[in-house]
Each structure stands twice: as structure tokens, then as C-alpha cells.
Amino acid sequence: MGVSKEQVESSLNSKLNPSHLEVIDISGGCGASFSVEIVSEQFEGKRLLERHRMVNAALEEEMKEIHALSVKKAVTPEQWKKQQESNQSNPAA
């Protein structure tokens, strides 16, 4: 039995206290592959590699059953805000 999207969300919520979290099961429902977008104040002052390691550490138990984890975004609230403002001012045509 794989890991559920809810298990991944629960672990990330409890350990990284994100202000935004999006978890997508990209394995077709078997719980082996997930895509994550996360915004957390705990990423402040950390390099991208450190942020990814923090996400992996938060999912230590789940990673025993997850075959692929794609961290699409791991940003601070300030970076997230700037990205959202940029997206609104430059909508895709």
C-alpha cells in the first residue's frame, strides 16, 4: 500500500507549517509519486537545496514508500507573494 496525498499533506503541515501547500499524486493513485508546492517561513535564509532537504526530512517515513517526489516550489511567503504579483501583472496570452 502506498502513501496517500493526505498523509503527505499532514506531515508537511505539522513539520513545516506552510502558509500554502499543494500536493498532487502524480502516480495515478498508487501513492508512489508526488508533486509538491510549498510556502513556509521556515525556508527563510535557506538555499534551495536546503529547502528541498527540509521537505524530504519532513517526509522521512513516507519516503520509504514514495518512489518519486518532485518539489516544484519551496519558497518563503515573501517570494510567493512576489511570484503571485508577477503572475497577475503578466497573464499568459
PDB file of N, CA and C in Angstrom:
ATOM      1  N   MET A   1       0.850  -1.193   0.000  1.00  0.00           N
ATOM      2  CA  MET A   1       0.000   0.000   0.000  1.00  0.00           C
ATOM      3  C   MET A   1       0.886   1.242   0.000  1.00  0.00           C
ATOM      4  N   GLY A   2       0.591   2.162  -0.880  1.00  0.00           N
ATOM      5  CA  GLY A   2       1.379   3.383  -0.978  1.00  0.00           C
ATOM      6  C   GLY A   2       0.982   4.415   0.056  1.00  0.00           C
ATOM      7  N   VAL A   3       1.494   5.585  -0.139  1.00  0.00           N
ATOM      8  CA  VAL A   3       1.238   6.715   0.752  1.00  0.00           C
ATOM      9  C   VAL A   3       0.108   7.539   0.149  1.00  0.00           C
ATOM     10  N   SER A   4      -0.775   8.065   0.995  1.00  0.00           N
ATOM     11  CA  SER A   4      -1.863   8.888   0.478  1.00  0.00           C
ATOM     12  C   SER A   4      -1.450  10.362   0.431  1.00  0.00           C
ATOM     13  N   LYS A   5      -2.129  11.083  -0.424  1.00  0.00           N
ATOM     14  CA  LYS A   5      -1.926  12.525  -0.538  1.00  0.00           C
ATOM     15  C   LYS A   5      -2.141  13.183   0.832  1.00  0.00           C
ATOM     16  N   GLU A   6      -3.143  12.705   1.559  1.00  0.00           N
ATOM     17  CA  GLU A   6      -3.460  13.258   2.877  1.00  0.00           C
ATOM     18  C   GLU A   6      -2.330  13.020   3.879  1.00  0.00           C
ATOM     19  N   GLN A   7      -1.651  11.881   3.791  1.00  0.00           N
ATOM     20  CA  GLN A   7      -0.517  11.605   4.680  1.00  0.00           C
ATOM     21  C   GLN A   7       0.624  12.592   4.404  1.00  0.00           C
ATOM     22  N   VAL A   8       0.893  12.833   3.132  1.00  0.00           N
ATOM     23  CA  VAL A   8       1.955  13.768   2.746  1.00  0.00           C
ATOM     24  C   VAL A   8       1.603  15.166   3.245  1.00  0.00           C
ATOM     25  N   GLU A   9       0.357  15.583   3.017  1.00  0.00           N
ATOM     26  CA  GLU A   9      -0.088  16.907   3.465  1.00  0.00           C
ATOM     27  C   GLU A   9       0.011  17.035   4.981  1.00  0.00           C
ATOM     28  N   SER A  10      -0.409  16.011   5.698  1.00  0.00           N
ATOM     29  CA  SER A  10      -0.387  16.038   7.157  1.00  0.00           C
ATOM     30  C   SER A  10       1.038  16.195   7.693  1.00  0.00           C
ATOM     31  N   SER A  11       1.965  15.432   7.156  1.00  0.00           N
ATOM     32  CA  SER A  11       3.357  15.507   7.608  1.00  0.00           C
ATOM     33  C   SER A  11       3.960  16.875   7.318  1.00  0.00           C
ATOM     34  N   LEU A  12       3.729  17.386   6.119  1.00  0.00           N
ATOM     35  CA  LEU A  12       4.291  18.694   5.761  1.00  0.00           C
ATOM     36  C   LEU A  12       3.651  19.803   6.592  1.00  0.00           C
ATOM     37  N   ASN A  13       2.336  19.720   6.812  1.00  0.00           N
ATOM     38  CA  ASN A  13       1.658  20.726   7.627  1.00  0.00           C
ATOM     39  C   ASN A  13       2.185  20.749   9.053  1.00  0.00           C
ATOM     40  N   SER A  14       2.369  19.566   9.637  1.00  0.00           N
ATOM     41  CA  SER A  14       2.787  19.515  11.037  1.00  0.00           C
ATOM     42  C   SER A  14       4.252  19.892  11.229  1.00  0.00           C
ATOM     43  N   LYS A  15       5.095  19.630  10.243  1.00  0.00           N
ATOM     44  CA  LYS A  15       6.532  19.863  10.423  1.00  0.00           C
ATOM     45  C   LYS A  15       7.043  21.168   9.833  1.00  0.00           C
ATOM     46  N   LEU A  16       6.380  21.674   8.790  1.00  0.00           N
ATOM     47  CA  LEU A  16       6.869  22.903   8.153  1.00  0.00           C
ATOM     48  C   LEU A  16       5.884  24.068   8.243  1.00  0.00           C
ATOM     49  N   ASN A  17       4.697  23.818   8.767  1.00  0.00           N
ATOM     50  CA  ASN A  17       3.694  24.858   8.985  1.00  0.00           C
ATOM     51  C   ASN A  17       3.565  25.803   7.783  1.00  0.00           C
ATOM     52  N   PRO A  18       3.236  25.269   6.610  1.00  0.00           N
ATOM     53  CA  PRO A  18       3.186  26.110   5.414  1.00  0.00           C
ATOM     54  C   PRO A  18       1.980  27.044   5.376  1.00  0.00           C
ATOM     55  N   SER A  19       2.160  28.194   4.727  1.00  0.00           N
ATOM     56  CA  SER A  19       1.048  29.103   4.501  1.00  0.00           C
ATOM     57  C   SER A  19       0.334  28.736   3.202  1.00  0.00           C
ATOM     58  N   HIS A  20       1.008  27.959   2.352  1.00  0.00           N
ATOM     59  CA  HIS A  20       0.403  27.420   1.126  1.00  0.00           C
ATOM     60  C   HIS A  20       1.007  26.040   0.905  1.00  0.00           C
ATOM     61  N   LEU A  21       0.165  25.092   0.566  1.00  0.00           N
ATOM     62  CA  LEU A  21       0.642  23.741   0.298  1.00  0.00           C
ATOM     63  C   LEU A  21      -0.241  23.110  -0.765  1.00  0.00           C
ATOM     64  N   GLU A  22       0.395  22.606  -1.804  1.00  0.00           N
ATOM     65  CA  GLU A  22      -0.324  21.872  -2.840  1.00  0.00           C
ATOM     66  C   GLU A  22       0.422  20.558  -3.069  1.00  0.00           C
ATOM     67  N   VAL A  23      -0.274  19.457  -2.844  1.00  0.00           N
ATOM     68  CA  VAL A  23       0.290  18.128  -3.051  1.00  0.00           C
ATOM     69  C   VAL A  23      -0.560  17.445  -4.113  1.00  0.00           C
ATOM     70  N   ILE A  24       0.106  16.931  -5.147  1.00  0.00           N
ATOM     71  CA  ILE A  24      -0.594  16.240  -6.221  1.00  0.00           C
ATOM     72  C   ILE A  24      -0.007  14.836  -6.361  1.00  0.00           C
ATOM     73  N   ASP A  25      -0.888  13.845  -6.330  1.00  0.00           N
ATOM     74  CA  ASP A  25      -0.470  12.459  -6.543  1.00  0.00           C
ATOM     75  C   ASP A  25      -0.336  12.274  -8.055  1.00  0.00           C
ATOM     76  N   ILE A  26       0.896  12.158  -8.527  1.00  0.00           N
ATOM     77  CA  ILE A  26       1.136  12.017  -9.965  1.00  0.00           C
ATOM     78  C   ILE A  26       1.444  10.562 -10.340  1.00  0.00           C
ATOM     79  N   SER A  27       1.094   9.638  -9.437  1.00  0.00           N
ATOM     80  CA  SER A  27       1.362   8.219  -9.666  1.00  0.00           C
ATOM     81  C   SER A  27       0.151   7.493 -10.231  1.00  0.00           C
ATOM     82  N   GLY A  28      -0.936   8.224 -10.431  1.00  0.00           N
ATOM     83  CA  GLY A  28      -2.141   7.564 -10.907  1.00  0.00           C
ATOM     84  C   GLY A  28      -2.938   6.918  -9.787  1.00  0.00           C
ATOM     85  N   GLY A  29      -2.658   7.350  -8.556  1.00  0.00           N
ATOM     86  CA  GLY A  29      -3.432   6.867  -7.417  1.00  0.00           C
ATOM     87  C   GLY A  29      -2.776   5.799  -6.568  1.00  0.00           C
ATOM     88  N   CYS A  30      -1.594   5.329  -6.951  1.00  0.00           N
ATOM     89  CA  CYS A  30      -0.965   4.258  -6.156  1.00  0.00           C
ATOM     90  C   CYS A  30      -0.099   4.814  -5.013  1.00  0.00           C
ATOM     91  N   GLY A  31       0.083   6.145  -4.951  1.00  0.00           N
ATOM     92  CA  GLY A  31       0.813   6.740  -3.838  1.00  0.00           C
ATOM     93  C   GLY A  31       2.312   6.599  -3.910  1.00  0.00           C
ATOM     94  N   ALA A  32       2.854   6.428  -5.112  1.00  0.00           N
ATOM     95  CA  ALA A  32       4.298   6.236  -5.244  1.00  0.00           C
ATOM     96  C   ALA A  32       5.025   7.483  -5.738  1.00  0.00           C
ATOM     97  N   SER A  33       4.277   8.477  -6.214  1.00  0.00           N
ATOM     98  CA  SER A  33       4.905   9.653  -6.803  1.00  0.00           C
ATOM     99  C   SER A  33       4.057  10.888  -6.529  1.00  0.00           C
ATOM    100  N   PHE A  34       4.720  11.953  -6.029  1.00  0.00           N
ATOM    101  CA  PHE A  34       4.002  13.167  -5.676  1.00  0.00           C
ATOM    102  C   PHE A  34       4.728  14.409  -6.174  1.00  0.00           C
ATOM    103  N   SER A  35       3.944  15.425  -6.460  1.00  0.00           N
ATOM    104  CA  SER A  35       4.451  16.740  -6.806  1.00  0.00           C
ATOM    105  C   SER A  35       4.027  17.676  -5.674  1.00  0.00           C
ATOM    106  N   VAL A  36       4.972  18.510  -5.192  1.00  0.00           N
ATOM    107  CA  VAL A  36       4.705  19.379  -4.045  1.00  0.00           C
ATOM    108  C   VAL A  36       5.072  20.826  -4.360  1.00  0.00           C
ATOM    109  N   GLU A  37       4.188  21.718  -3.947  1.00  0.00           N
ATOM    110  CA  GLU A  37       4.438  23.163  -3.982  1.00  0.00           C
ATOM    111  C   GLU A  37       4.185  23.636  -2.555  1.00  0.00           C
ATOM    112  N   ILE A  38       5.203  24.242  -1.930  1.00  0.00           N
ATOM    113  CA  ILE A  38       5.083  24.592  -0.514  1.00  0.00           C
ATOM    114  C   ILE A  38       5.681  25.965  -0.230  1.00  0.00           C
ATOM    115  N   VAL A  39       4.983  26.721   0.616  1.00  0.00           N
ATOM    116  CA  VAL A  39       5.428  28.050   1.039  1.00  0.00           C
ATOM    117  C   VAL A  39       5.518  28.022   2.565  1.00  0.00           C
ATOM    118  N   SER A  40       6.710  28.294   3.101  1.00  0.00           N
ATOM    119  CA  SER A  40       6.904  28.236   4.554  1.00  0.00           C
ATOM    120  C   SER A  40       7.899  29.286   5.027  1.00  0.00           C
ATOM    121  N   GLU A  41       7.594  29.898   6.160  1.00  0.00           N
ATOM    122  CA  GLU A  41       8.531  30.854   6.775  1.00  0.00           C
ATOM    123  C   GLU A  41       9.814  30.153   7.202  1.00  0.00           C
ATOM    124  N   GLN A  42       9.756  28.846   7.419  1.00  0.00           N
ATOM    125  CA  GLN A  42      10.938  28.097   7.843  1.00  0.00           C
ATOM    126  C   GLN A  42      12.011  28.045   6.747  1.00  0.00           C
ATOM    127  N   PHE A  43      11.647  28.410   5.516  1.00  0.00           N
ATOM    128  CA  PHE A  43      12.616  28.423   4.418  1.00  0.00           C
ATOM    129  C   PHE A  43      13.445  29.713   4.391  1.00  0.00           C
ATOM    130  N   GLU A  44      13.058  30.683   5.201  1.00  0.00           N
ATOM    131  CA  GLU A  44      13.755  31.972   5.236  1.00  0.00           C
ATOM    132  C   GLU A  44      15.246  31.771   5.500  1.00  0.00           C
ATOM    133  N   GLY A  45      16.083  32.371   4.640  1.00  0.00           N
ATOM    134  CA  GLY A  45      17.527  32.307   4.813  1.00  0.00           C
ATOM    135  C   GLY A  45      18.161  30.997   4.368  1.00  0.00           C
ATOM    136  N   LYS A  46      17.356  30.088   3.810  1.00  0.00           N
ATOM    137  CA  LYS A  46      17.865  28.789   3.371  1.00  0.00           C
ATOM    138  C   LYS A  46      18.007  28.766   1.848  1.00  0.00           C
ATOM    139  N   ARG A  47      19.044  28.082   1.386  1.00  0.00           N
ATOM    140  CA  ARG A  47      19.217  27.890  -0.057  1.00  0.00           C
ATOM    141  C   ARG A  47      18.216  26.858  -0.551  1.00  0.00           C
ATOM    142  N   LEU A  48      18.008  26.832  -1.864  1.00  0.00           N
ATOM    143  CA  LEU A  48      17.030  25.927  -2.452  1.00  0.00           C
ATOM    144  C   LEU A  48      17.297  24.464  -2.078  1.00  0.00           C
ATOM    145  N   LEU A  49      18.553  24.036  -2.129  1.00  0.00           N
ATOM    146  CA  LEU A  49      18.883  22.654  -1.786  1.00  0.00           C
ATOM    147  C   LEU A  49      18.513  22.346  -0.333  1.00  0.00           C
ATOM    148  N   GLU A  50      18.765  23.294   0.574  1.00  0.00           N
ATOM    149  CA  GLU A  50      18.404  23.107   1.983  1.00  0.00           C
ATOM    150  C   GLU A  50      16.890  22.982   2.142  1.00  0.00           C
ATOM    151  N   ARG A  51      16.143  23.763   1.376  1.00  0.00           N
ATOM    152  CA  ARG A  51      14.677  23.718   1.437  1.00  0.00           C
ATOM    153  C   ARG A  51      14.171  22.352   0.990  1.00  0.00           C
ATOM    154  N   HIS A  52      14.751  21.843  -0.103  1.00  0.00           N
ATOM    155  CA  HIS A  52      14.347  20.522  -0.590  1.00  0.00           C
ATOM    156  C   HIS A  52      14.679  19.455   0.443  1.00  0.00           C
ATOM    157  N   ARG A  53      15.826  19.591   1.088  1.00  0.00           N
ATOM    158  CA  ARG A  53      16.199  18.632   2.136  1.00  0.00           C
ATOM    159  C   ARG A  53      15.228  18.697   3.306  1.00  0.00           C
ATOM    160  N   MET A  54      14.759  19.897   3.639  1.00  0.00           N
ATOM    161  CA  MET A  54      13.785  20.051   4.722  1.00  0.00           C
ATOM    162  C   MET A  54      12.478  19.327   4.378  1.00  0.00           C
ATOM    163  N   VAL A  55      12.045  19.454   3.121  1.00  0.00           N
ATOM    164  CA  VAL A  55      10.827  18.770   2.678  1.00  0.00           C
ATOM    165  C   VAL A  55      11.036  17.260   2.760  1.00  0.00           C
ATOM    166  N   ASN A  56      12.168  16.785   2.265  1.00  0.00           N
ATOM    167  CA  ASN A  56      12.461  15.345   2.329  1.00  0.00           C
ATOM    168  C   ASN A  56      12.531  14.855   3.772  1.00  0.00           C
ATOM    169  N   ALA A  57      13.131  15.640   4.649  1.00  0.00           N
ATOM    170  CA  ALA A  57      13.237  15.256   6.063  1.00  0.00           C
ATOM    171  C   ALA A  57      11.854  15.200   6.715  1.00  0.00           C
ATOM    172  N   ALA A  58      10.986  16.143   6.348  1.00  0.00           N
ATOM    173  CA  ALA A  58       9.629  16.158   6.904  1.00  0.00           C
ATOM    174  C   ALA A  58       8.843  14.925   6.474  1.00  0.00           C
ATOM    175  N   LEU A  59       9.234  14.352   5.341  1.00  0.00           N
ATOM    176  CA  LEU A  59       8.550  13.175   4.806  1.00  0.00           C
ATOM    177  C   LEU A  59       9.395  11.905   4.974  1.00  0.00           C
ATOM    178  N   GLU A  60      10.235  11.886   5.982  1.00  0.00           N
ATOM    179  CA  GLU A  60      11.168  10.768   6.179  1.00  0.00           C
ATOM    180  C   GLU A  60      10.475   9.405   6.152  1.00  0.00           C
ATOM    181  N   GLU A  61       9.415   9.254   6.910  1.00  0.00           N
ATOM    182  CA  GLU A  61       8.710   7.966   6.959  1.00  0.00           C
ATOM    183  C   GLU A  61       8.022   7.659   5.631  1.00  0.00           C
ATOM    184  N   GLU A  62       7.368   8.684   5.064  1.00  0.00           N
ATOM    185  CA  GLU A  62       6.648   8.497   3.808  1.00  0.00           C
ATOM    186  C   GLU A  62       7.595   8.151   2.658  1.00  0.00           C
ATOM    187  N   MET A  63       8.816   8.698   2.710  1.00  0.00           N
ATOM    188  CA  MET A  63       9.773   8.480   1.624  1.00  0.00           C
ATOM    189  C   MET A  63      10.197   7.017   1.502  1.00  0.00           C
ATOM    190  N   LYS A  64       9.938   6.229   2.539  1.00  0.00           N
ATOM    191  CA  LYS A  64      10.250   4.799   2.480  1.00  0.00           C
ATOM    192  C   LYS A  64       9.362   4.090   1.460  1.00  0.00           C
ATOM    193  N   GLU A  65       8.195   4.695   1.161  1.00  0.00           N
ATOM    194  CA  GLU A  65       7.256   4.104   0.213  1.00  0.00           C
ATOM    195  C   GLU A  65       7.065   4.945  -1.045  1.00  0.00           C
ATOM    196  N   ILE A  66       7.547   6.186  -1.041  1.00  0.00           N
ATOM    197  CA  ILE A  66       7.418   7.062  -2.208  1.00  0.00           C
ATOM    198  C   ILE A  66       8.623   6.832  -3.114  1.00  0.00           C
ATOM    199  N   HIS A  67       8.361   6.628  -4.385  1.00  0.00           N
ATOM    200  CA  HIS A  67       9.447   6.397  -5.340  1.00  0.00           C
ATOM    201  C   HIS A  67       9.939   7.691  -5.967  1.00  0.00           C
ATOM    202  N   ALA A  68       9.058   8.690  -6.075  1.00  0.00           N
ATOM    203  CA  ALA A  68       9.453   9.959  -6.688  1.00  0.00           C
ATOM    204  C   ALA A  68       8.741  11.115  -6.002  1.00  0.00           C
ATOM    205  N   LEU A  69       9.520  12.129  -5.673  1.00  0.00           N
ATOM    206  CA  LEU A  69       8.976  13.339  -5.075  1.00  0.00           C
ATOM    207  C   LEU A  69       9.530  14.521  -5.866  1.00  0.00           C
ATOM    208  N   SER A  70       8.641  15.281  -6.462  1.00  0.00           N
ATOM    209  CA  SER A  70       9.039  16.452  -7.232  1.00  0.00           C
ATOM    210  C   SER A  70       8.634  17.699  -6.447  1.00  0.00           C
ATOM    211  N   VAL A  71       9.617  18.436  -5.954  1.00  0.00           N
ATOM    212  CA  VAL A  71       9.342  19.678  -5.231  1.00  0.00           C
ATOM    213  C   VAL A  71       9.362  20.794  -6.268  1.00  0.00           C
ATOM    214  N   LYS A  72       8.173  21.175  -6.736  1.00  0.00           N
ATOM    215  CA  LYS A  72       8.056  22.185  -7.798  1.00  0.00           C
ATOM    216  C   LYS A  72       8.437  23.570  -7.289  1.00  0.00           C
ATOM    217  N   LYS A  73       7.981  23.884  -6.078  1.00  0.00           N
ATOM    218  CA  LYS A  73       8.313  25.171  -5.454  1.00  0.00           C
ATOM    219  C   LYS A  73       8.500  24.954  -3.970  1.00  0.00           C
ATOM    220  N   ALA A  74       9.534  25.574  -3.421  1.00  0.00           N
ATOM    221  CA  ALA A  74       9.776  25.599  -1.978  1.00  0.00           C
ATOM    222  C   ALA A  74      10.261  27.015  -1.700  1.00  0.00           C
ATOM    223  N   VAL A  75       9.316  27.897  -1.400  1.00  0.00           N
ATOM    224  CA  VAL A  75       9.621  29.323  -1.291  1.00  0.00           C
ATOM    225  C   VAL A  75       9.137  29.915   0.029  1.00  0.00           C
ATOM    226  N   THR A  76       9.644  31.109   0.332  1.00  0.00           N
ATOM    227  CA  THR A  76       9.205  31.844   1.519  1.00  0.00           C
ATOM    228  C   THR A  76       7.912  32.584   1.175  1.00  0.00           C
ATOM    229  N   PRO A  77       7.157  33.016   2.183  1.00  0.00           N
ATOM    230  CA  PRO A  77       5.942  33.778   1.910  1.00  0.00           C
ATOM    231  C   PRO A  77       6.216  35.041   1.073  1.00  0.00           C
ATOM    232  N   GLU A  78       7.336  35.709   1.321  1.00  0.00           N
ATOM    233  CA  GLU A  78       7.667  36.912   0.558  1.00  0.00           C
ATOM    234  C   GLU A  78       7.920  36.574  -0.913  1.00  0.00           C
ATOM    235  N   GLN A  79       8.651  35.497  -1.165  1.00  0.00           N
ATOM    236  CA  GLN A  79       8.902  35.067  -2.544  1.00  0.00           C
ATOM    237  C   GLN A  79       7.598  34.663  -3.232  1.00  0.00           C
ATOM    238  N   TRP A  80       6.735  33.977  -2.500  1.00  0.00           N
ATOM    239  CA  TRP A  80       5.442  33.548  -3.028  1.00  0.00           C
ATOM    240  C   TRP A  80       4.616  34.769  -3.426  1.00  0.00           C
ATOM    241  N   LYS A  81       4.591  35.764  -2.553  1.00  0.00           N
ATOM    242  CA  LYS A  81       3.822  36.986  -2.815  1.00  0.00           C
ATOM    243  C   LYS A  81       4.318  37.666  -4.099  1.00  0.00           C
ATOM    244  N   LYS A  82       5.631  37.767  -4.244  1.00  0.00           N
ATOM    245  CA  LYS A  82       6.205  38.383  -5.439  1.00  0.00           C
ATOM    246  C   LYS A  82       5.854  37.589  -6.691  1.00  0.00           C
ATOM    247  N   GLN A  83       5.886  36.262  -6.594  1.00  0.00           N
ATOM    248  CA  GLN A  83       5.547  35.426  -7.742  1.00  0.00           C
ATOM    249  C   GLN A  83       4.085  35.608  -8.131  1.00  0.00           C
ATOM    250  N   GLN A  84       3.212  35.683  -7.132  1.00  0.00           N
ATOM    251  CA  GLN A  84       1.788  35.859  -7.403  1.00  0.00           C
ATOM    252  C   GLN A  84       1.512  37.218  -8.049  1.00  0.00           C
ATOM    253  N   GLU A  85       2.189  38.262  -7.535  1.00  0.00           N
ATOM    254  CA  GLU A  85       2.025  39.598  -8.115  1.00  0.00           C
ATOM    255  C   GLU A  85       2.535  39.625  -9.556  1.00  0.00           C
ATOM    256  N   SER A  86       3.648  38.962  -9.792  1.00  0.00           N
ATOM    257  CA  SER A  86       4.231  38.897 -11.129  1.00  0.00           C
ATOM    258  C   SER A  86       3.284  38.152 -12.089  1.00  0.00           C
ATOM    259  N   ASN A  87       2.688  37.079 -11.618  1.00  0.00           N
ATOM    260  CA  ASN A  87       1.748  36.310 -12.447  1.00  0.00           C
ATOM    261  C   ASN A  87       0.509  37.118 -12.797  1.00  0.00           C
ATOM    262  N   GLN A  88       0.066  37.954 -11.868  1.00  0.00           N
ATOM    263  CA  GLN A  88      -1.124  38.769 -12.105  1.00  0.00           C
ATOM    264  C   GLN A  88      -0.854  39.914 -13.079  1.00  0.00           C
ATOM    265  N   SER A  89       0.366  40.456 -13.034  1.00  0.00           N
ATOM    266  CA  SER A  89       0.694  41.574 -13.913  1.00  0.00           C
ATOM    267  C   SER A  89       1.121  41.095 -15.308  1.00  0.00           C
ATOM    268  N   ASN A  90       1.481  39.817 -15.434  1.00  0.00           N
ATOM    269  CA  ASN A  90       1.900  39.251 -16.726  1.00  0.00           C
ATOM    270  C   ASN A  90       1.074  38.000 -17.037  1.00  0.00           C
ATOM    271  N   PRO A  91      -0.242  38.149 -17.263  1.00  0.00           N
ATOM    272  CA  PRO A  91      -1.041  36.961 -17.536  1.00  0.00           C
ATOM    273  C   PRO A  91      -0.637  36.317 -18.869  1.00  0.00           C
ATOM    274  N   ALA A  92      -0.738  35.003 -18.915  1.00  0.00           N
ATOM    275  CA  ALA A  92      -0.382  34.276 -20.138  1.00  0.00           C
ATOM    276  C   ALA A  92      -1.398  34.602 -21.228  1.00  0.00           C
ATOM    277  N   ALA A  93      -0.886  34.755 -22.427  1.00  0.00           N
ATOM    278  CA  ALA A  93      -1.766  35.123 -23.544  1.00  0.00           C
ATOM    279  C   ALA A  93      -2.465  33.921 -24.111  1.00  0.00           C
TER     280      ALA A  93
END
